[in-house]
PDB file of N, CA and C in Angstrom:
ATOM      1  N   UNK A   1       0.342  13.076  28.499  1.00  0.00           N
ATOM      2  CA  UNK A   1       0.313  13.851  27.302  1.00  0.00           C
ATOM      3  C   UNK A   1      -0.993  14.789  27.155  1.00  0.00           C
ATOM      4  N   UNK A   2      -0.646  15.783  26.574  1.00  0.00           N
ATOM      5  CA  UNK A   2      -1.777  16.763  26.622  1.00  0.00           C
ATOM      6  C   UNK A   2      -2.812  16.498  25.329  1.00  0.00           C
ATOM      7  N   UNK A   3      -4.143  16.921  25.461  1.00  0.00           N
ATOM      8  CA  UNK A   3      -5.091  16.633  24.492  1.00  0.00           C
ATOM      9  C   UNK A   3      -4.621  17.316  23.060  1.00  0.00           C
ATOM     10  N   UNK A   4      -4.241  18.449  23.220  1.00  0.00           N
ATOM     11  CA  UNK A   4      -4.036  19.004  21.484  1.00  0.00           C
ATOM     12  C   UNK A   4      -2.725  18.143  20.907  1.00  0.00           C
ATOM     13  N   UNK A   5      -1.870  17.434  21.915  1.00  0.00           N
ATOM     14  CA  UNK A   5      -0.953  16.717  21.093  1.00  0.00           C
ATOM     15  C   UNK A   5      -1.732  15.620  20.157  1.00  0.00           C
ATOM     16  N   UNK A   6      -2.479  14.855  20.896  1.00  0.00           N
ATOM     17  CA  UNK A   6      -3.236  13.942  20.434  1.00  0.00           C
ATOM     18  C   UNK A   6      -4.198  14.307  19.141  1.00  0.00           C
ATOM     19  N   UNK A   7      -4.837  15.436  19.375  1.00  0.00           N
ATOM     20  CA  UNK A   7      -5.576  16.091  18.211  1.00  0.00           C
ATOM     21  C   UNK A   7      -4.900  16.265  17.122  1.00  0.00           C
ATOM     22  N   UNK A   8      -3.552  16.684  17.031  1.00  0.00           N
ATOM     23  CA  UNK A   8      -2.593  16.996  16.288  1.00  0.00           C
ATOM     24  C   UNK A   8      -2.367  15.638  15.208  1.00  0.00           C
ATOM     25  N   UNK A   9      -1.922  14.809  16.259  1.00  0.00           N
ATOM     26  CA  UNK A   9      -1.693  13.402  15.658  1.00  0.00           C
ATOM     27  C   UNK A   9      -3.153  12.804  14.743  1.00  0.00           C
ATOM     28  N   UNK A  10      -4.059  13.181  15.286  1.00  0.00           N
ATOM     29  CA  UNK A  10      -5.321  12.658  14.640  1.00  0.00           C
ATOM     30  C   UNK A  10      -5.620  13.224  13.255  1.00  0.00           C
ATOM     31  N   UNK A  11      -5.238  14.611  13.371  1.00  0.00           N
ATOM     32  CA  UNK A  11      -5.255  15.421  12.270  1.00  0.00           C
ATOM     33  C   UNK A  11      -4.211  14.825  11.184  1.00  0.00           C
ATOM     34  N   UNK A  12      -3.222  14.798  11.673  1.00  0.00           N
ATOM     35  CA  UNK A  12      -1.869  14.162  10.569  1.00  0.00           C
ATOM     36  C   UNK A  12      -2.296  13.184  10.227  1.00  0.00           C
ATOM     37  N   UNK A  13      -3.062  12.142  11.054  1.00  0.00           N
ATOM     38  CA  UNK A  13      -3.259  10.783  10.383  1.00  0.00           C
ATOM     39  C   UNK A  13      -4.567  10.848   9.387  1.00  0.00           C
ATOM     40  N   UNK A  14      -5.500  11.634   9.618  1.00  0.00           N
ATOM     41  CA  UNK A  14      -6.517  11.853   8.659  1.00  0.00           C
ATOM     42  C   UNK A  14      -6.110  12.257   7.272  1.00  0.00           C
ATOM     43  N   UNK A  15      -5.310  13.472   7.336  1.00  0.00           N
ATOM     44  CA  UNK A  15      -4.775  14.085   6.285  1.00  0.00           C
ATOM     45  C   UNK A  15      -3.830  13.099   5.406  1.00  0.00           C
ATOM     46  N   UNK A  16      -2.989  12.311   5.938  1.00  0.00           N
ATOM     47  CA  UNK A  16      -2.126  11.200   5.492  1.00  0.00           C
ATOM     48  C   UNK A  16      -2.957  10.223   4.840  1.00  0.00           C
ATOM     49  N   UNK A  17      -3.961   9.712   5.313  1.00  0.00           N
ATOM     50  CA  UNK A  17      -5.152   8.816   4.694  1.00  0.00           C
ATOM     51  C   UNK A  17      -5.633   9.224   3.632  1.00  0.00           C
ATOM     52  N   UNK A  18      -6.194  10.711   3.875  1.00  0.00           N
ATOM     53  CA  UNK A  18      -7.110  11.293   2.574  1.00  0.00           C
ATOM     54  C   UNK A  18      -5.790  11.566   1.305  1.00  0.00           C
ATOM     55  N   UNK A  19      -4.715  11.669   1.505  1.00  0.00           N
ATOM     56  CA  UNK A  19      -3.692  11.805   0.583  1.00  0.00           C
ATOM     57  C   UNK A  19      -3.423  10.495  -0.085  1.00  0.00           C
ATOM     58  N   UNK A  20      -3.810   9.524   0.533  1.00  0.00           N
ATOM     59  CA  UNK A  20      -3.662   8.081  -0.240  1.00  0.00           C
ATOM     60  C   UNK A  20      -4.753   7.947  -0.997  1.00  0.00           C
ATOM     61  N   UNK A  21      -5.927   8.649  -0.671  1.00  0.00           N
ATOM     62  CA  UNK A  21      -7.300   8.351  -1.511  1.00  0.00           C
ATOM     63  C   UNK A  21      -7.333   9.456  -2.419  1.00  0.00           C
ATOM     64  N   UNK A  22      -6.537  10.627  -2.676  1.00  0.00           N
ATOM     65  CA  UNK A  22      -6.767  11.565  -3.305  1.00  0.00           C
ATOM     66  C   UNK A  22      -7.008  11.465  -4.790  1.00  0.00           C
ATOM     67  N   UNK A  23      -7.559  11.918  -5.777  1.00  0.00           N
ATOM     68  CA  UNK A  23      -7.793  11.691  -7.114  1.00  0.00           C
ATOM     69  C   UNK A  23      -6.515  12.210  -7.795  1.00  0.00           C
ATOM     70  N   UNK A  24      -6.114  13.501  -7.466  1.00  0.00           N
ATOM     71  CA  UNK A  24      -4.994  14.179  -8.352  1.00  0.00           C
ATOM     72  C   UNK A  24      -4.042  14.370  -7.125  1.00  0.00           C
ATOM     73  N   UNK A  25      -2.430  14.445  -8.036  1.00  0.00           N
ATOM     74  CA  UNK A  25      -1.290  14.464  -7.209  1.00  0.00           C
ATOM     75  C   UNK A  25      -1.422  15.744  -6.157  1.00  0.00           C
ATOM     76  N   UNK A  26      -1.826  16.876  -7.106  1.00  0.00           N
ATOM     77  CA  UNK A  26      -1.811  18.172  -6.419  1.00  0.00           C
ATOM     78  C   UNK A  26      -2.294  18.066  -4.910  1.00  0.00           C
ATOM     79  N   UNK A  27      -3.733  17.496  -5.006  1.00  0.00           N
ATOM     80  CA  UNK A  27      -4.212  17.329  -3.618  1.00  0.00           C
ATOM     81  C   UNK A  27      -3.512  16.424  -2.792  1.00  0.00           C
ATOM     82  N   UNK A  28      -3.222  15.359  -3.240  1.00  0.00           N
ATOM     83  CA  UNK A  28      -2.292  14.278  -2.307  1.00  0.00           C
ATOM     84  C   UNK A  28      -1.110  14.979  -1.830  1.00  0.00           C
ATOM     85  N   UNK A  29      -0.376  15.862  -2.565  1.00  0.00           N
ATOM     86  CA  UNK A  29       0.833  16.639  -2.155  1.00  0.00           C
ATOM     87  C   UNK A  29       0.490  17.687  -0.961  1.00  0.00           C
ATOM     88  N   UNK A  30      -0.698  18.210  -1.210  1.00  0.00           N
ATOM     89  CA  UNK A  30      -0.966  19.402  -0.166  1.00  0.00           C
ATOM     90  C   UNK A  30      -1.573  18.705   1.039  1.00  0.00           C
ATOM     91  N   UNK A  31      -2.039  17.436   1.060  1.00  0.00           N
ATOM     92  CA  UNK A  31      -2.741  16.669   2.240  1.00  0.00           C
ATOM     93  C   UNK A  31      -1.365  16.332   2.740  1.00  0.00           C
ATOM     94  N   UNK A  32      -0.449  15.513   2.178  1.00  0.00           N
ATOM     95  CA  UNK A  32       0.742  15.117   2.749  1.00  0.00           C
ATOM     96  C   UNK A  32       1.461  16.208   3.477  1.00  0.00           C
ATOM     97  N   UNK A  33       1.591  17.483   2.854  1.00  0.00           N
ATOM     98  CA  UNK A  33       2.274  18.603   3.406  1.00  0.00           C
ATOM     99  C   UNK A  33       1.569  19.040   4.892  1.00  0.00           C
ATOM    100  N   UNK A  34       0.247  19.040   4.883  1.00  0.00           N
ATOM    101  CA  UNK A  34      -0.566  19.254   5.898  1.00  0.00           C
ATOM    102  C   UNK A  34      -0.435  18.362   6.872  1.00  0.00           C
ATOM    103  N   UNK A  35      -0.134  16.869   6.740  1.00  0.00           N
ATOM    104  CA  UNK A  35      -0.050  15.969   7.721  1.00  0.00           C
ATOM    105  C   UNK A  35       1.465  16.195   8.376  1.00  0.00           C
ATOM    106  N   UNK A  36       2.511  16.425   7.303  1.00  0.00           N
ATOM    107  CA  UNK A  36       3.666  16.786   7.980  1.00  0.00           C
ATOM    108  C   UNK A  36       3.931  18.151   9.026  1.00  0.00           C
ATOM    109  N   UNK A  37       2.918  19.152   8.744  1.00  0.00           N
ATOM    110  CA  UNK A  37       3.011  20.329   9.642  1.00  0.00           C
ATOM    111  C   UNK A  37       2.313  19.658  10.735  1.00  0.00           C
ATOM    112  N   UNK A  38       1.220  19.035  10.940  1.00  0.00           N
ATOM    113  CA  UNK A  38       0.714  18.506  11.907  1.00  0.00           C
ATOM    114  C   UNK A  38       1.567  17.694  12.787  1.00  0.00           C
ATOM    115  N   UNK A  39       2.263  16.973  12.274  1.00  0.00           N
ATOM    116  CA  UNK A  39       3.273  16.021  12.791  1.00  0.00           C
ATOM    117  C   UNK A  39       4.242  16.865  13.538  1.00  0.00           C
ATOM    118  N   UNK A  40       4.841  18.155  12.696  1.00  0.00           N
ATOM    119  CA  UNK A  40       5.916  18.795  13.469  1.00  0.00           C
ATOM    120  C   UNK A  40       5.405  19.752  14.663  1.00  0.00           C
ATOM    121  N   UNK A  41       4.060  20.194  14.894  1.00  0.00           N
ATOM    122  CA  UNK A  41       3.517  20.703  15.719  1.00  0.00           C
ATOM    123  C   UNK A  41       3.376  19.795  16.906  1.00  0.00           C
ATOM    124  N   UNK A  42       2.963  18.601  16.407  1.00  0.00           N
ATOM    125  CA  UNK A  42       2.864  17.524  17.778  1.00  0.00           C
ATOM    126  C   UNK A  42       4.214  17.390  18.379  1.00  0.00           C
ATOM    127  N   UNK A  43       5.374  17.297  17.246  1.00  0.00           N
ATOM    128  CA  UNK A  43       6.662  17.120  18.128  1.00  0.00           C
ATOM    129  C   UNK A  43       7.029  18.061  18.931  1.00  0.00           C
ATOM    130  N   UNK A  44       6.618  19.274  18.821  1.00  0.00           N
ATOM    131  CA  UNK A  44       7.156  20.466  19.476  1.00  0.00           C
ATOM    132  C   UNK A  44       6.375  20.337  20.831  1.00  0.00           C
ATOM    133  N   UNK A  45       5.579  19.618  20.789  1.00  0.00           N
ATOM    134  CA  UNK A  45       4.939  19.590  22.250  1.00  0.00           C
ATOM    135  C   UNK A  45       5.288  18.085  23.058  1.00  0.00           C
ATOM    136  N   UNK A  46       6.255  17.535  22.374  1.00  0.00           N
ATOM    137  CA  UNK A  46       6.476  16.342  22.869  1.00  0.00           C
ATOM    138  C   UNK A  46       8.178  16.242  22.601  1.00  0.00           C
ATOM    139  N   UNK A  47       8.910  17.136  23.292  1.00  0.00           N
ATOM    140  CA  UNK A  47      10.526  17.203  23.273  1.00  0.00           C
ATOM    141  C   UNK A  47      10.907  16.734  21.906  1.00  0.00           C
ATOM    142  N   UNK A  48      10.412  17.526  20.758  1.00  0.00           N
ATOM    143  CA  UNK A  48      10.797  17.253  19.484  1.00  0.00           C
ATOM    144  C   UNK A  48      10.935  15.665  19.011  1.00  0.00           C
ATOM    145  N   UNK A  49      10.128  14.796  19.603  1.00  0.00           N
ATOM    146  CA  UNK A  49      10.013  13.661  18.990  1.00  0.00           C
ATOM    147  C   UNK A  49       9.043  13.567  18.070  1.00  0.00           C
ATOM    148  N   UNK A  50       9.254  12.765  16.703  1.00  0.00           N
ATOM    149  CA  UNK A  50       8.606  12.873  15.565  1.00  0.00           C
ATOM    150  C   UNK A  50       7.733  11.356  15.722  1.00  0.00           C
ATOM    151  N   UNK A  51       6.606  11.833  15.671  1.00  0.00           N
ATOM    152  CA  UNK A  51       5.681  10.449  15.753  1.00  0.00           C
ATOM    153  C   UNK A  51       5.238  10.018  14.494  1.00  0.00           C
ATOM    154  N   UNK A  52       5.354   8.722  14.465  1.00  0.00           N
ATOM    155  CA  UNK A  52       5.273   8.036  12.984  1.00  0.00           C
ATOM    156  C   UNK A  52       3.259   7.988  12.843  1.00  0.00           C
ATOM    157  N   UNK A  53       3.215   8.616  11.642  1.00  0.00           N
ATOM    158  CA  UNK A  53       1.559   8.591  11.343  1.00  0.00           C
ATOM    159  C   UNK A  53       1.457   7.958  10.024  1.00  0.00           C
ATOM    160  N   UNK A  54       2.534   7.153   9.771  1.00  0.00           N
ATOM    161  CA  UNK A  54       2.146   6.333   8.224  1.00  0.00           C
ATOM    162  C   UNK A  54       2.409   7.123   7.146  1.00  0.00           C
ATOM    163  N   UNK A  55       3.042   8.184   6.959  1.00  0.00           N
ATOM    164  CA  UNK A  55       3.114   9.022   5.648  1.00  0.00           C
ATOM    165  C   UNK A  55       3.861   8.150   4.706  1.00  0.00           C
ATOM    166  N   UNK A  56       4.875   7.443   4.929  1.00  0.00           N
ATOM    167  CA  UNK A  56       5.774   7.055   3.875  1.00  0.00           C
ATOM    168  C   UNK A  56       5.016   5.740   3.354  1.00  0.00           C
ATOM    169  N   UNK A  57       4.177   4.883   4.345  1.00  0.00           N
ATOM    170  CA  UNK A  57       3.529   3.857   3.793  1.00  0.00           C
ATOM    171  C   UNK A  57       2.155   4.209   2.943  1.00  0.00           C
ATOM    172  N   UNK A  58       1.790   5.210   3.498  1.00  0.00           N
ATOM    173  CA  UNK A  58       0.384   5.719   2.508  1.00  0.00           C
ATOM    174  C   UNK A  58       1.026   6.297   1.242  1.00  0.00           C
ATOM    175  N   UNK A  59       2.005   6.876   1.281  1.00  0.00           N
ATOM    176  CA  UNK A  59       2.735   7.599  -0.273  1.00  0.00           C
ATOM    177  C   UNK A  59       2.801   6.484  -1.266  1.00  0.00           C
ATOM    178  N   UNK A  60       3.432   5.503  -0.535  1.00  0.00           N
ATOM    179  CA  UNK A  60       3.629   4.224  -1.423  1.00  0.00           C
ATOM    180  C   UNK A  60       2.405   3.372  -1.857  1.00  0.00           C
ATOM    181  N   UNK A  61       1.602   3.305  -0.911  1.00  0.00           N
ATOM    182  CA  UNK A  61       0.246   2.516  -1.353  1.00  0.00           C
ATOM    183  C   UNK A  61      -0.388   3.525  -2.279  1.00  0.00           C
ATOM    184  N   UNK A  62      -0.218   4.899  -2.616  1.00  0.00           N
ATOM    185  CA  UNK A  62      -1.145   5.708  -3.548  1.00  0.00           C
ATOM    186  C   UNK A  62      -0.238   5.480  -4.706  1.00  0.00           C
ATOM    187  N   UNK A  63       1.219   5.198  -4.953  1.00  0.00           N
ATOM    188  CA  UNK A  63       1.946   5.014  -6.088  1.00  0.00           C
ATOM    189  C   UNK A  63       1.695   3.822  -6.596  1.00  0.00           C
ATOM    190  N   UNK A  64       1.521   2.679  -5.669  1.00  0.00           N
ATOM    191  CA  UNK A  64       1.055   1.341  -6.328  1.00  0.00           C
ATOM    192  C   UNK A  64      -0.445   1.635  -6.801  1.00  0.00           C
ATOM    193  N   UNK A  65      -1.246   2.199  -6.146  1.00  0.00           N
ATOM    194  CA  UNK A  65      -2.626   2.444  -6.776  1.00  0.00           C
ATOM    195  C   UNK A  65      -2.600   2.924  -8.265  1.00  0.00           C
ATOM    196  N   UNK A  66      -1.730   3.922  -8.328  1.00  0.00           N
ATOM    197  CA  UNK A  66      -1.614   4.902  -9.383  1.00  0.00           C
ATOM    198  C   UNK A  66      -1.127   3.924 -10.811  1.00  0.00           C
ATOM    199  N   UNK A  67       0.069   3.081 -10.332  1.00  0.00           N
ATOM    200  CA  UNK A  67       0.292   2.385 -11.508  1.00  0.00           C
ATOM    201  C   UNK A  67      -0.531   1.294 -11.905  1.00  0.00           C
ATOM    202  N   UNK A  68      -1.499   0.774 -11.073  1.00  0.00           N
ATOM    203  CA  UNK A  68      -2.421  -0.346 -11.340  1.00  0.00           C
ATOM    204  C   UNK A  68      -3.497   0.249 -12.127  1.00  0.00           C
ATOM    205  N   UNK A  69      -3.647   1.397 -12.328  1.00  0.00           N
ATOM    206  CA  UNK A  69      -4.736   2.315 -13.189  1.00  0.00           C
ATOM    207  C   UNK A  69      -4.292   1.892 -14.540  1.00  0.00           C
TER     208      UNK A  69
END
């Protein structure tokens, strides 16, 4: 696999993680969008296979965190 593929996955994971930590929903939404875009670009490099970077789990964690406040 090419280095750009792994770089895109790492960027997607960083964005997904930061989205779960974001203080405002606008920032979290933007970071999730960026993560999805990085995942889509990575998929183009790997026969359109969508890699799992944990976006769903992080979104749920953020929602749980928001409810506990």
